[in-house]
Protein backbone atom coordinates (compact mmCIF):
# COMPACT_ATOMS: atom_id res chain seq x y z
CA UNK A 1 241.27 -14.44 11.53
CA UNK A 2 239.35 -17.17 12.01
CA UNK A 3 240.89 -19.27 9.29
CA UNK A 4 244.19 -19.01 10.98
CA UNK A 5 243.41 -20.72 14.87
CA UNK A 6 241.07 -23.07 12.87
CA UNK A 7 244.77 -23.99 10.97
CA UNK A 8 246.39 -23.73 14.42
CA UNK A 9 244.12 -26.15 15.94
CA UNK A 10 244.18 -28.44 13.56
CA UNK A 11 247.90 -28.57 13.70
CA UNK A 12 248.06 -28.83 16.99
CA UNK A 13 246.06 -32.03 16.99
CA UNK A 14 247.91 -33.40 14.00
CA UNK A 15 250.91 -32.99 16.37
CA UNK A 16 249.66 -34.70 19.59
CA UNK A 17 248.76 -37.27 17.41
CA UNK A 18 252.17 -37.89 16.24
CA UNK A 19 253.72 -37.51 19.58
CA UNK A 20 251.48 -40.05 20.65
CA UNK A 21 252.55 -42.63 18.02
CA UNK A 22 256.25 -41.74 18.28
CA UNK A 23 255.47 -42.70 22.24
CA UNK A 24 254.15 -45.93 21.23
CA UNK A 25 256.72 -46.77 18.71
CA UNK A 26 259.46 -46.03 21.13
CA UNK A 27 257.71 -48.34 23.86
CA UNK A 28 257.20 -51.21 21.68
CA UNK A 29 260.80 -51.02 20.30
CA UNK A 30 262.12 -51.00 23.56
CA UNK A 31 260.14 -53.94 24.54
CA UNK A 32 261.23 -55.70 21.57
CA UNK A 33 265.28 -54.47 22.67
CA UNK A 34 264.52 -56.36 26.40
CA UNK A 35 262.95 -59.14 24.73
CA UNK A 36 266.15 -59.82 22.04
CA UNK A 37 268.50 -59.53 24.74
CA UNK A 38 267.11 -61.82 27.12
CA UNK A 39 268.52 -64.17 24.01
CA UNK A 40 271.90 -65.70 24.42
CA UNK A 41 273.66 -66.46 21.10
CA UNK A 42 273.64 -70.50 21.54
CA UNK A 43 269.12 -69.90 22.21
CA UNK A 44 268.87 -68.63 18.54
CA UNK A 45 271.44 -70.78 16.71
CA UNK A 46 269.41 -74.02 17.42
CA UNK A 47 266.23 -72.35 17.12
CA UNK A 48 266.70 -70.38 14.29
CA UNK A 49 264.44 -72.18 11.45
CA UNK A 50 263.46 -75.72 12.96
CA UNK A 51 261.36 -77.33 9.90
CA UNK A 52 260.46 -81.04 10.18
CA UNK A 53 261.10 -81.98 6.92
CA UNK A 54 259.80 -85.82 7.74
CA UNK A 55 256.31 -83.66 8.42
CA UNK A 56 256.16 -82.13 5.16
CA UNK A 57 253.18 -83.23 2.97
CA UNK A 58 253.51 -85.98 0.20
CA UNK A 59 252.05 -83.58 -1.84
CA UNK A 60 254.88 -80.64 -1.82
CA UNK A 61 257.63 -83.09 -2.23
CA UNK A 62 259.42 -83.65 -5.60
CA UNK A 63 257.72 -86.75 -7.66
CA UNK A 64 260.83 -88.68 -6.85
CA UNK A 65 261.27 -87.93 -3.55
CA UNK A 66 257.29 -89.33 -3.40
CA UNK A 67 258.48 -92.71 -4.64
CA UNK A 68 261.42 -92.92 -2.41
CA UNK A 69 258.46 -92.70 0.26
CA UNK A 70 256.58 -95.17 -0.61
CA UNK A 71 259.08 -97.54 -1.16
CA UNK A 72 260.10 -96.69 2.54
CA UNK A 73 256.80 -96.82 3.72
CA UNK A 74 256.50 -100.54 1.83
CA UNK A 75 259.69 -101.80 3.42
CA UNK A 76 258.36 -100.63 6.99
CA UNK A 77 255.21 -102.70 6.60
CA UNK A 78 257.00 -105.40 5.38
CA UNK A 79 259.31 -105.69 8.30
CA UNK A 80 256.38 -105.89 10.53
CA UNK A 81 254.31 -107.89 8.90
CA UNK A 82 257.08 -110.47 8.88
């Protein structure tokens, strides 16, 4: 009989933990839903993946892009020095 009560207590603890977890998940999902509904489609489309390609470090670019970029910098420097 003692073992059965022990199992019941453990099961009750597990169920309580599960209920608390589900409450937390529901509240987090509600918050996400609230935030998402504040955005208009135009807000999302303009900021979907803003990547400033001109600021990509040169070591991540293909070799041909690197040489093109270096030539552009030389031309700019030459114009400035004129």
